Structure formats: C-alpha cells, structure tokens
C-alpha cells in the first residue's frame, strides 16, 4: 500500500533525502512502477525542489528515488 503525505514524515533520517546516499537507491521507471503496486507498506516521498519522486520503506529505512524526467519521458 502506498500512502501519500503532503510533506516528508519527520521520522525519516536526514541523509535519506540525498539521492545516492546509503539510505537512498536510484531506480528506473520499471522498478518504480513495480514498487507502486507491490504489497509492501510504502510512503510516498517526493522532493519537488530536485524534481525527484520517491517511495520510502519504513521497515527498511530505504528511500527509492527516480527523477521526474526518467519517470515521465515517453
């Protein structure tokens, strides 16, 4: 289930917001779509300042990120 929040939950570690950090994995469009429909409990966590879409897995503490350009390109 994906839950959407207007802003990132405050329980997330600060370093998870940095793509490329140990807590953030850059993924492709296929993986992002697979995660959207999987049965994990994921929290939607986008960063409009960097045009990045993300999903946060509270069980593992990992954020999966993709640039909007890679997600919405034709």
PDB file of N, CA and C in Angstrom:
ATOM      1  N   UNK A   1       0.840  -1.165   0.000  1.00  0.00           N
ATOM      2  CA  UNK A   1       0.000   0.000   0.000  1.00  0.00           C
ATOM      3  C   UNK A   1       0.888   1.232   0.000  1.00  0.00           C
ATOM      4  N   UNK A   2       0.578   2.200  -0.827  1.00  0.00           N
ATOM      5  CA  UNK A   2       1.316   3.457  -0.889  1.00  0.00           C
ATOM      6  C   UNK A   2       0.466   4.526  -0.239  1.00  0.00           C
ATOM      7  N   UNK A   3       1.032   5.219   0.719  1.00  0.00           N
ATOM      8  CA  UNK A   3       0.347   6.296   1.419  1.00  0.00           C
ATOM      9  C   UNK A   3       0.990   7.600   1.011  1.00  0.00           C
ATOM     10  N   UNK A   4       0.176   8.608   0.754  1.00  0.00           N
ATOM     11  CA  UNK A   4       0.719   9.886   0.302  1.00  0.00           C
ATOM     12  C   UNK A   4       0.647  10.913   1.422  1.00  0.00           C
ATOM     13  N   UNK A   5       1.735  11.631   1.640  1.00  0.00           N
ATOM     14  CA  UNK A   5       1.815  12.699   2.617  1.00  0.00           C
ATOM     15  C   UNK A   5       2.148  13.991   1.891  1.00  0.00           C
ATOM     16  N   UNK A   6       1.639  15.104   2.414  1.00  0.00           N
ATOM     17  CA  UNK A   6       1.932  16.400   1.812  1.00  0.00           C
ATOM     18  C   UNK A   6       3.397  16.766   1.992  1.00  0.00           C
ATOM     19  N   UNK A   7       3.989  16.358   3.092  1.00  0.00           N
ATOM     20  CA  UNK A   7       5.404  16.624   3.339  1.00  0.00           C
ATOM     21  C   UNK A   7       6.037  15.357   3.898  1.00  0.00           C
ATOM     22  N   UNK A   8       7.358  15.251   3.824  1.00  0.00           N
ATOM     23  CA  UNK A   8       8.019  14.046   4.318  1.00  0.00           C
ATOM     24  C   UNK A   8       7.768  13.846   5.805  1.00  0.00           C
ATOM     25  N   UNK A   9       7.503  12.615   6.242  1.00  0.00           N
ATOM     26  CA  UNK A   9       7.339  12.363   7.664  1.00  0.00           C
ATOM     27  C   UNK A   9       8.622  12.719   8.424  1.00  0.00           C
ATOM     28  N   UNK A  10       8.464  13.246   9.615  1.00  0.00           N
ATOM     29  CA  UNK A  10       9.626  13.699  10.371  1.00  0.00           C
ATOM     30  C   UNK A  10      10.472  12.551  10.902  1.00  0.00           C
ATOM     31  N   UNK A  11       9.993  11.304  10.825  1.00  0.00           N
ATOM     32  CA  UNK A  11      10.755  10.170  11.333  1.00  0.00           C
ATOM     33  C   UNK A  11      11.857   9.733  10.373  1.00  0.00           C
ATOM     34  N   UNK A  12      11.885  10.274   9.178  1.00  0.00           N
ATOM     35  CA  UNK A  12      12.887   9.864   8.202  1.00  0.00           C
ATOM     36  C   UNK A  12      14.245  10.466   8.545  1.00  0.00           C
ATOM     37  N   UNK A  13      15.309   9.689   8.374  1.00  0.00           N
ATOM     38  CA  UNK A  13      16.636  10.244   8.626  1.00  0.00           C
ATOM     39  C   UNK A  13      16.974  11.318   7.606  1.00  0.00           C
ATOM     40  N   UNK A  14      17.675  12.345   8.024  1.00  0.00           N
ATOM     41  CA  UNK A  14      18.007  13.462   7.136  1.00  0.00           C
ATOM     42  C   UNK A  14      18.808  13.000   5.929  1.00  0.00           C
ATOM     43  N   UNK A  15      19.710  12.040   6.108  1.00  0.00           N
ATOM     44  CA  UNK A  15      20.543  11.616   4.985  1.00  0.00           C
ATOM     45  C   UNK A  15      19.755  10.839   3.934  1.00  0.00           C
ATOM     46  N   UNK A  16      18.537  10.387   4.265  1.00  0.00           N
ATOM     47  CA  UNK A  16      17.719   9.657   3.290  1.00  0.00           C
ATOM     48  C   UNK A  16      17.223  10.579   2.183  1.00  0.00           C
ATOM     49  N   UNK A  17      17.285  11.876   2.418  1.00  0.00           N
ATOM     50  CA  UNK A  17      16.793  12.800   1.404  1.00  0.00           C
ATOM     51  C   UNK A  17      17.812  13.047   0.298  1.00  0.00           C
ATOM     52  N   UNK A  18      19.012  12.551   0.467  1.00  0.00           N
ATOM     53  CA  UNK A  18      20.062  12.775  -0.522  1.00  0.00           C
ATOM     54  C   UNK A  18      20.180  11.589  -1.465  1.00  0.00           C
ATOM     55  N   UNK A  19      19.755  11.732  -2.746  1.00  0.00           N
ATOM     56  CA  UNK A  19      19.941  10.633  -3.689  1.00  0.00           C
ATOM     57  C   UNK A  19      21.399  10.214  -3.752  1.00  0.00           C
ATOM     58  N   UNK A  20      21.630   8.926  -3.770  1.00  0.00           N
ATOM     59  CA  UNK A  20      22.981   8.412  -3.825  1.00  0.00           C
ATOM     60  C   UNK A  20      23.556   8.097  -2.453  1.00  0.00           C
ATOM     61  N   UNK A  21      22.846   8.477  -1.374  1.00  0.00           N
ATOM     62  CA  UNK A  21      23.319   8.136  -0.040  1.00  0.00           C
ATOM     63  C   UNK A  21      23.024   6.661   0.231  1.00  0.00           C
ATOM     64  N   UNK A  22      23.551   6.140   1.313  1.00  0.00           N
ATOM     65  CA  UNK A  22      23.371   4.722   1.641  1.00  0.00           C
ATOM     66  C   UNK A  22      21.902   4.370   1.845  1.00  0.00           C
ATOM     67  N   UNK A  23      21.091   5.336   2.270  1.00  0.00           N
ATOM     68  CA  UNK A  23      19.677   5.084   2.529  1.00  0.00           C
ATOM     69  C   UNK A  23      18.782   5.395   1.340  1.00  0.00           C
ATOM     70  N   UNK A  24      19.361   5.750   0.205  1.00  0.00           N
ATOM     71  CA  UNK A  24      18.570   6.135  -0.966  1.00  0.00           C
ATOM     72  C   UNK A  24      19.093   5.413  -2.203  1.00  0.00           C
ATOM     73  N   UNK A  25      18.204   4.693  -2.853  1.00  0.00           N
ATOM     74  CA  UNK A  25      18.574   3.977  -4.075  1.00  0.00           C
ATOM     75  C   UNK A  25      17.916   4.653  -5.274  1.00  0.00           C
ATOM     76  N   UNK A  26      18.706   4.954  -6.287  1.00  0.00           N
ATOM     77  CA  UNK A  26      18.184   5.495  -7.534  1.00  0.00           C
ATOM     78  C   UNK A  26      17.674   4.309  -8.360  1.00  0.00           C
ATOM     79  N   UNK A  27      16.417   4.372  -8.778  1.00  0.00           N
ATOM     80  CA  UNK A  27      15.815   3.263  -9.513  1.00  0.00           C
ATOM     81  C   UNK A  27      15.306   3.741 -10.867  1.00  0.00           C
ATOM     82  N   UNK A  28      14.997   2.778 -11.751  1.00  0.00           N
ATOM     83  CA  UNK A  28      14.450   3.122 -13.061  1.00  0.00           C
ATOM     84  C   UNK A  28      12.917   3.086 -13.020  1.00  0.00           C
ATOM     85  N   UNK A  29      12.303   3.457 -14.136  1.00  0.00           N
ATOM     86  CA  UNK A  29      10.853   3.557 -14.208  1.00  0.00           C
ATOM     87  C   UNK A  29      10.172   2.220 -13.956  1.00  0.00           C
ATOM     88  N   UNK A  30      10.705   1.128 -14.498  1.00  0.00           N
ATOM     89  CA  UNK A  30      10.101  -0.188 -14.292  1.00  0.00           C
ATOM     90  C   UNK A  30      10.088  -0.576 -12.816  1.00  0.00           C
ATOM     91  N   UNK A  31      11.186  -0.329 -12.128  1.00  0.00           N
ATOM     92  CA  UNK A  31      11.263  -0.654 -10.704  1.00  0.00           C
ATOM     93  C   UNK A  31      10.324   0.221  -9.889  1.00  0.00           C
ATOM     94  N   UNK A  32      10.229   1.507 -10.228  1.00  0.00           N
ATOM     95  CA  UNK A  32       9.317   2.410  -9.522  1.00  0.00           C
ATOM     96  C   UNK A  32       7.880   1.934  -9.674  1.00  0.00           C
ATOM     97  N   UNK A  33       7.480   1.574 -10.879  1.00  0.00           N
ATOM     98  CA  UNK A  33       6.114   1.091 -11.122  1.00  0.00           C
ATOM     99  C   UNK A  33       5.862  -0.230 -10.398  1.00  0.00           C
ATOM    100  N   UNK A  34       6.874  -1.096 -10.341  1.00  0.00           N
ATOM    101  CA  UNK A  34       6.724  -2.360  -9.624  1.00  0.00           C
ATOM    102  C   UNK A  34       6.513  -2.100  -8.132  1.00  0.00           C
ATOM    103  N   UNK A  35       7.265  -1.173  -7.578  1.00  0.00           N
ATOM    104  CA  UNK A  35       7.112  -0.841  -6.164  1.00  0.00           C
ATOM    105  C   UNK A  35       5.752  -0.210  -5.867  1.00  0.00           C
ATOM    106  N   UNK A  36       5.228   0.570  -6.814  1.00  0.00           N
ATOM    107  CA  UNK A  36       3.917   1.193  -6.611  1.00  0.00           C
ATOM    108  C   UNK A  36       2.809   0.168  -6.425  1.00  0.00           C
ATOM    109  N   UNK A  37       2.936  -0.979  -7.077  1.00  0.00           N
ATOM    110  CA  UNK A  37       1.863  -1.972  -6.999  1.00  0.00           C
ATOM    111  C   UNK A  37       2.193  -3.173  -6.118  1.00  0.00           C
ATOM    112  N   UNK A  38       3.357  -3.161  -5.465  1.00  0.00           N
ATOM    113  CA  UNK A  38       3.724  -4.293  -4.607  1.00  0.00           C
ATOM    114  C   UNK A  38       2.924  -4.227  -3.296  1.00  0.00           C
ATOM    115  N   UNK A  39       3.028  -5.270  -2.504  1.00  0.00           N
ATOM    116  CA  UNK A  39       2.261  -5.322  -1.256  1.00  0.00           C
ATOM    117  C   UNK A  39       3.034  -4.808  -0.049  1.00  0.00           C
ATOM    118  N   UNK A  40       4.172  -4.167  -0.260  1.00  0.00           N
ATOM    119  CA  UNK A  40       4.901  -3.531   0.842  1.00  0.00           C
ATOM    120  C   UNK A  40       4.161  -2.275   1.285  1.00  0.00           C
ATOM    121  N   UNK A  41       4.336  -1.907   2.532  1.00  0.00           N
ATOM    122  CA  UNK A  41       3.808  -0.638   3.011  1.00  0.00           C
ATOM    123  C   UNK A  41       4.856   0.428   2.705  1.00  0.00           C
ATOM    124  N   UNK A  42       4.569   1.276   1.726  1.00  0.00           N
ATOM    125  CA  UNK A  42       5.495   2.324   1.301  1.00  0.00           C
ATOM    126  C   UNK A  42       4.848   3.684   1.486  1.00  0.00           C
ATOM    127  N   UNK A  43       5.673   4.664   1.774  1.00  0.00           N
ATOM    128  CA  UNK A  43       5.212   6.036   1.950  1.00  0.00           C
ATOM    129  C   UNK A  43       5.718   6.853   0.773  1.00  0.00           C
ATOM    130  N   UNK A  44       4.822   7.568   0.134  1.00  0.00           N
ATOM    131  CA  UNK A  44       5.210   8.431  -0.980  1.00  0.00           C
ATOM    132  C   UNK A  44       6.017   9.588  -0.428  1.00  0.00           C
ATOM    133  N   UNK A  45       7.175   9.852  -1.033  1.00  0.00           N
ATOM    134  CA  UNK A  45       8.044  10.916  -0.521  1.00  0.00           C
ATOM    135  C   UNK A  45       8.751  11.592  -1.676  1.00  0.00           C
ATOM    136  N   UNK A  46       8.123  12.637  -2.217  1.00  0.00           N
ATOM    137  CA  UNK A  46       8.652  13.361  -3.363  1.00  0.00           C
ATOM    138  C   UNK A  46       9.471  14.567  -2.903  1.00  0.00           C
ATOM    139  N   UNK A  47      10.389  15.002  -3.755  1.00  0.00           N
ATOM    140  CA  UNK A  47      11.173  16.201  -3.497  1.00  0.00           C
ATOM    141  C   UNK A  47      11.024  17.132  -4.690  1.00  0.00           C
ATOM    142  N   UNK A  48      10.034  18.043  -4.650  1.00  0.00           N
ATOM    143  CA  UNK A  48       9.790  18.919  -5.798  1.00  0.00           C
ATOM    144  C   UNK A  48      10.950  19.858  -6.110  1.00  0.00           C
ATOM    145  N   UNK A  49      11.774  20.184  -5.123  1.00  0.00           N
ATOM    146  CA  UNK A  49      12.911  21.083  -5.364  1.00  0.00           C
ATOM    147  C   UNK A  49      13.927  20.464  -6.318  1.00  0.00           C
ATOM    148  N   UNK A  50      14.095  19.145  -6.234  1.00  0.00           N
ATOM    149  CA  UNK A  50      15.055  18.482  -7.124  1.00  0.00           C
ATOM    150  C   UNK A  50      14.361  17.682  -8.223  1.00  0.00           C
ATOM    151  N   UNK A  51      13.033  17.870  -8.378  1.00  0.00           N
ATOM    152  CA  UNK A  51      12.242  17.146  -9.392  1.00  0.00           C
ATOM    153  C   UNK A  51      12.444  15.638  -9.275  1.00  0.00           C
ATOM    154  N   UNK A  52      12.359  15.147  -8.042  1.00  0.00           N
ATOM    155  CA  UNK A  52      12.547  13.730  -7.768  1.00  0.00           C
ATOM    156  C   UNK A  52      11.292  13.156  -7.142  1.00  0.00           C
ATOM    157  N   UNK A  53      10.894  11.987  -7.601  1.00  0.00           N
ATOM    158  CA  UNK A  53       9.795  11.247  -6.994  1.00  0.00           C
ATOM    159  C   UNK A  53      10.402  10.138  -6.158  1.00  0.00           C
ATOM    160  N   UNK A  54       9.774   9.826  -5.036  1.00  0.00           N
ATOM    161  CA  UNK A  54      10.344   8.809  -4.175  1.00  0.00           C
ATOM    162  C   UNK A  54       9.319   8.005  -3.415  1.00  0.00           C
ATOM    163  N   UNK A  55       9.731   6.826  -2.995  1.00  0.00           N
ATOM    164  CA  UNK A  55       8.956   5.953  -2.127  1.00  0.00           C
ATOM    165  C   UNK A  55       9.851   5.577  -0.958  1.00  0.00           C
ATOM    166  N   UNK A  56       9.307   5.648   0.250  1.00  0.00           N
ATOM    167  CA  UNK A  56      10.066   5.327   1.443  1.00  0.00           C
ATOM    168  C   UNK A  56       9.526   4.048   2.063  1.00  0.00           C
ATOM    169  N   UNK A  57      10.422   3.122   2.379  1.00  0.00           N
ATOM    170  CA  UNK A  57      10.057   1.869   3.032  1.00  0.00           C
ATOM    171  C   UNK A  57      10.394   1.994   4.513  1.00  0.00           C
ATOM    172  N   UNK A  58       9.388   2.221   5.385  1.00  0.00           N
ATOM    173  CA  UNK A  58       9.674   2.401   6.800  1.00  0.00           C
ATOM    174  C   UNK A  58      10.252   1.151   7.467  1.00  0.00           C
ATOM    175  N   UNK A  59       9.994  -0.027   6.933  1.00  0.00           N
ATOM    176  CA  UNK A  59      10.513  -1.266   7.519  1.00  0.00           C
ATOM    177  C   UNK A  59      12.027  -1.374   7.368  1.00  0.00           C
ATOM    178  N   UNK A  60      12.560  -0.884   6.251  1.00  0.00           N
ATOM    179  CA  UNK A  60      13.999  -0.990   5.990  1.00  0.00           C
ATOM    180  C   UNK A  60      14.728   0.339   6.114  1.00  0.00           C
ATOM    181  N   UNK A  61      13.982   1.456   6.071  1.00  0.00           N
ATOM    182  CA  UNK A  61      14.601   2.774   6.136  1.00  0.00           C
ATOM    183  C   UNK A  61      15.201   3.223   4.815  1.00  0.00           C
ATOM    184  N   UNK A  62      14.828   2.563   3.723  1.00  0.00           N
ATOM    185  CA  UNK A  62      15.376   2.889   2.402  1.00  0.00           C
ATOM    186  C   UNK A  62      14.383   3.726   1.612  1.00  0.00           C
ATOM    187  N   UNK A  63      14.904   4.737   0.929  1.00  0.00           N
ATOM    188  CA  UNK A  63      14.106   5.555   0.021  1.00  0.00           C
ATOM    189  C   UNK A  63      14.495   5.198  -1.400  1.00  0.00           C
ATOM    190  N   UNK A  64      13.509   4.957  -2.233  1.00  0.00           N
ATOM    191  CA  UNK A  64      13.722   4.657  -3.645  1.00  0.00           C
ATOM    192  C   UNK A  64      13.376   5.922  -4.423  1.00  0.00           C
ATOM    193  N   UNK A  65      14.301   6.408  -5.238  1.00  0.00           N
ATOM    194  CA  UNK A  65      14.116   7.689  -5.914  1.00  0.00           C
ATOM    195  C   UNK A  65      14.296   7.556  -7.419  1.00  0.00           C
ATOM    196  N   UNK A  66      13.554   8.398  -8.144  1.00  0.00           N
ATOM    197  CA  UNK A  66      13.674   8.484  -9.600  1.00  0.00           C
ATOM    198  C   UNK A  66      13.425   9.935  -9.992  1.00  0.00           C
ATOM    199  N   UNK A  67      14.157  10.421 -10.967  1.00  0.00           N
ATOM    200  CA  UNK A  67      13.924  11.786 -11.436  1.00  0.00           C
ATOM    201  C   UNK A  67      12.610  11.823 -12.213  1.00  0.00           C
ATOM    202  N   UNK A  68      11.928  12.948 -12.146  1.00  0.00           N
ATOM    203  CA  UNK A  68      10.665  13.076 -12.886  1.00  0.00           C
ATOM    204  C   UNK A  68      10.892  12.914 -14.374  1.00  0.00           C
ATOM    205  N   UNK A  69      12.039  13.368 -14.862  1.00  0.00           N
ATOM    206  CA  UNK A  69      12.329  13.237 -16.297  1.00  0.00           C
ATOM    207  C   UNK A  69      12.357  11.763 -16.697  1.00  0.00           C
ATOM    208  N   UNK A  70      13.029  10.923 -15.909  1.00  0.00           N
ATOM    209  CA  UNK A  70      13.092   9.486 -16.220  1.00  0.00           C
ATOM    210  C   UNK A  70      11.731   8.810 -16.046  1.00  0.00           C
ATOM    211  N   UNK A  71      10.935   9.284 -15.101  1.00  0.00           N
ATOM    212  CA  UNK A  71       9.644   8.665 -14.857  1.00  0.00           C
ATOM    213  C   UNK A  71       8.617   8.993 -15.931  1.00  0.00           C
ATOM    214  N   UNK A  72       8.596  10.244 -16.404  1.00  0.00           N
ATOM    215  CA  UNK A  72       7.530  10.679 -17.305  1.00  0.00           C
ATOM    216  C   UNK A  72       7.937  10.803 -18.768  1.00  0.00           C
ATOM    217  N   UNK A  73       9.173  10.470 -19.108  1.00  0.00           N
ATOM    218  CA  UNK A  73       9.581  10.569 -20.514  1.00  0.00           C
ATOM    219  C   UNK A  73       8.815   9.551 -21.352  1.00  0.00           C
ATOM    220  N   UNK A  74       8.674   9.825 -22.601  1.00  0.00           N
ATOM    221  CA  UNK A  74       7.911   8.926 -23.496  1.00  0.00           C
ATOM    222  C   UNK A  74       8.745   7.768 -23.966  1.00  0.00           C
TER     223      UNK A  74
END
